[in-house]
Amino acid sequence: MGAGQLIKAHRDEILRVAASHGAGNVLLFGSVARGEDTAESDVDFLVDVTGDTTPWFPASLVADLEQLLGQRVQVVIRRSLSPLIRDAVLREAVPL
């Protein structure tokens, strides 16, 4: 099963795991969102975080998503996006 199909199959669980870590408005970006992923691709999620957080997102969310999906995962907080890549990321980002 490709990453795109995997995301669709586990959509509700992904959203539930993200919410349990204080993340909302979960978007997919990167090669999986563009339909260009390969077996080596990771899954890139863009999230908004509610409440106070440190500049580093909790590693436990990444670990939980990797366990759920069986693939490498990257989580990026929307407000921490570099202005240099913000427009490109937001242009390709798609809601789950």
C-alpha atoms as a PDB file:
ATOM      1  CA  MET A   1       0.000   0.000   0.000  1.00  0.00           C
ATOM      2  CA  GLY A   2       1.382   3.414  -0.957  1.00  0.00           C
ATOM      3  CA  ALA A   3       1.699   6.230   1.552  1.00  0.00           C
ATOM      4  CA  GLY A   4      -1.270   8.114   0.092  1.00  0.00           C
ATOM      5  CA  GLN A   5      -3.523   5.081   0.495  1.00  0.00           C
ATOM      6  CA  LEU A   6      -2.112   4.481   3.972  1.00  0.00           C
ATOM      7  CA  ILE A   7      -2.983   8.043   4.991  1.00  0.00           C
ATOM      8  CA  LYS A   8      -6.540   7.670   3.682  1.00  0.00           C
ATOM      9  CA  ALA A   9      -6.984   4.332   5.456  1.00  0.00           C
ATOM     10  CA  HIS A  10      -5.802   5.766   8.794  1.00  0.00           C
ATOM     11  CA  ARG A  11      -7.167   9.313   8.489  1.00  0.00           C
ATOM     12  CA  ASP A  12      -9.395   9.202  11.576  1.00  0.00           C
ATOM     13  CA  GLU A  13      -6.677   7.588  13.692  1.00  0.00           C
ATOM     14  CA  ILE A  14      -4.098  10.167  12.553  1.00  0.00           C
ATOM     15  CA  LEU A  15      -6.424  13.003  13.524  1.00  0.00           C
ATOM     16  CA  ARG A  16      -7.186  11.370  16.885  1.00  0.00           C
ATOM     17  CA  VAL A  17      -3.483  10.862  17.679  1.00  0.00           C
ATOM     18  CA  ALA A  18      -2.680  14.438  16.660  1.00  0.00           C
ATOM     19  CA  ALA A  19      -5.493  15.822  18.818  1.00  0.00           C
ATOM     20  CA  SER A  20      -4.280  13.794  21.797  1.00  0.00           C
ATOM     21  CA  HIS A  21      -0.967  15.658  21.497  1.00  0.00           C
ATOM     22  CA  GLY A  22      -2.591  19.081  21.183  1.00  0.00           C
ATOM     23  CA  ALA A  23      -2.300  19.359  17.397  1.00  0.00           C
ATOM     24  CA  GLY A  24      -5.102  20.384  15.070  1.00  0.00           C
ATOM     25  CA  ASN A  25      -5.697  21.436  11.471  1.00  0.00           C
ATOM     26  CA  VAL A  26      -3.537  18.552  10.250  1.00  0.00           C
ATOM     27  CA  LEU A  27      -2.373  18.962   6.662  1.00  0.00           C
ATOM     28  CA  LEU A  28      -0.278  16.729   4.446  1.00  0.00           C
ATOM     29  CA  PHE A  29       2.520  18.256   2.359  1.00  0.00           C
ATOM     30  CA  GLY A  30       5.623  17.147   0.524  1.00  0.00           C
ATOM     31  CA  SER A  31       6.023  14.249  -1.860  1.00  0.00           C
ATOM     32  CA  VAL A  32       3.038  12.303  -0.508  1.00  0.00           C
ATOM     33  CA  ALA A  33       0.721  15.297  -0.975  1.00  0.00           C
ATOM     34  CA  ARG A  34       2.031  15.762  -4.526  1.00  0.00           C
ATOM     35  CA  GLY A  35       1.650  12.056  -5.341  1.00  0.00           C
ATOM     36  CA  GLU A  36       5.406  11.799  -5.959  1.00  0.00           C
ATOM     37  CA  ASP A  37       6.354   9.653  -2.962  1.00  0.00           C
ATOM     38  CA  THR A  38       8.667   6.668  -3.218  1.00  0.00           C
ATOM     39  CA  ALA A  39       9.412   3.812  -0.843  1.00  0.00           C
ATOM     40  CA  GLU A  40      12.057   6.035   0.793  1.00  0.00           C
ATOM     41  CA  SER A  41       9.752   9.025   1.308  1.00  0.00           C
ATOM     42  CA  ASP A  42       8.705  10.173   4.739  1.00  0.00           C
ATOM     43  CA  VAL A  43       5.231  11.495   5.477  1.00  0.00           C
ATOM     44  CA  ASP A  44       5.184  15.240   6.120  1.00  0.00           C
ATOM     45  CA  PHE A  45       2.449  16.687   8.327  1.00  0.00           C
ATOM     46  CA  LEU A  46       1.834  20.383   8.922  1.00  0.00           C
ATOM     47  CA  VAL A  47      -0.088  21.162  12.109  1.00  0.00           C
ATOM     48  CA  ASP A  48      -1.366  23.980  14.237  1.00  0.00           C
ATOM     49  CA  VAL A  49      -0.786  23.582  17.953  1.00  0.00           C
ATOM     50  CA  THR A  50      -3.208  24.694  20.633  1.00  0.00           C
ATOM     51  CA  GLY A  51      -1.881  26.087  23.892  1.00  0.00           C
ATOM     52  CA  ASP A  52       1.684  26.817  24.882  1.00  0.00           C
ATOM     53  CA  THR A  53       4.415  24.681  23.360  1.00  0.00           C
ATOM     54  CA  THR A  54       8.160  24.651  23.146  1.00  0.00           C
ATOM     55  CA  PRO A  55       9.788  25.420  19.783  1.00  0.00           C
ATOM     56  CA  TRP A  56      10.213  21.655  19.329  1.00  0.00           C
ATOM     57  CA  PHE A  57       7.129  19.602  18.787  1.00  0.00           C
ATOM     58  CA  PRO A  58       6.748  16.615  21.131  1.00  0.00           C
ATOM     59  CA  ALA A  59       8.685  13.648  19.846  1.00  0.00           C
ATOM     60  CA  SER A  60       5.932  11.433  21.205  1.00  0.00           C
ATOM     61  CA  LEU A  61       3.560  12.580  18.416  1.00  0.00           C
ATOM     62  CA  VAL A  62       6.101  11.638  15.767  1.00  0.00           C
ATOM     63  CA  ALA A  63       6.681   8.275  17.481  1.00  0.00           C
ATOM     64  CA  ASP A  64       2.946   7.553  17.719  1.00  0.00           C
ATOM     65  CA  LEU A  65       2.358   8.444  14.058  1.00  0.00           C
ATOM     66  CA  GLU A  66       5.340   6.374  12.925  1.00  0.00           C
ATOM     67  CA  GLN A  67       4.034   3.415  14.902  1.00  0.00           C
ATOM     68  CA  LEU A  68       0.557   3.833  13.413  1.00  0.00           C
ATOM     69  CA  LEU A  69       1.725   4.219   9.815  1.00  0.00           C
ATOM     70  CA  GLY A  70       4.865   2.089   9.830  1.00  0.00           C
ATOM     71  CA  GLN A  71       6.693   4.893   7.988  1.00  0.00           C
ATOM     72  CA  ARG A  72       9.003   7.758   8.847  1.00  0.00           C
ATOM     73  CA  VAL A  73       7.071  10.892   9.772  1.00  0.00           C
ATOM     74  CA  GLN A  74       7.973  14.551  10.011  1.00  0.00           C
ATOM     75  CA  VAL A  75       5.745  17.008  11.876  1.00  0.00           C
ATOM     76  CA  VAL A  76       6.110  20.731  11.212  1.00  0.00           C
ATOM     77  CA  ILE A  77       4.316  23.433  13.190  1.00  0.00           C
ATOM     78  CA  ARG A  78       2.747  25.946  10.817  1.00  0.00           C
ATOM     79  CA  ARG A  79       3.859  28.983  12.811  1.00  0.00           C
ATOM     80  CA  SER A  80       7.471  27.785  12.702  1.00  0.00           C
ATOM     81  CA  LEU A  81       7.652  27.578   8.903  1.00  0.00           C
ATOM     82  CA  SER A  82      10.490  29.598   7.457  1.00  0.00           C
ATOM     83  CA  PRO A  83       9.286  32.538   5.361  1.00  0.00           C
ATOM     84  CA  LEU A  84      11.537  31.173   2.615  1.00  0.00           C
ATOM     85  CA  ILE A  85       9.415  28.023   2.190  1.00  0.00           C
ATOM     86  CA  ARG A  86       6.086  29.028   3.749  1.00  0.00           C
ATOM     87  CA  ASP A  87       4.281  29.847   0.491  1.00  0.00           C
ATOM     88  CA  ALA A  88       5.450  26.685  -1.278  1.00  0.00           C
ATOM     89  CA  VAL A  89       4.453  24.444   1.648  1.00  0.00           C
ATOM     90  CA  LEU A  90       1.052  26.085   2.084  1.00  0.00           C
ATOM     91  CA  ARG A  91       0.372  25.941  -1.663  1.00  0.00           C
ATOM     92  CA  GLU A  92       0.815  22.161  -1.778  1.00  0.00           C
ATOM     93  CA  ALA A  93      -0.611  21.323   1.665  1.00  0.00           C
ATOM     94  CA  VAL A  94      -3.854  19.354   1.640  1.00  0.00           C
ATOM     95  CA  PRO A  95      -6.192  18.587   4.536  1.00  0.00           C
ATOM     96  CA  LEU A  96      -6.513  14.990   5.605  1.00  0.00           C
END
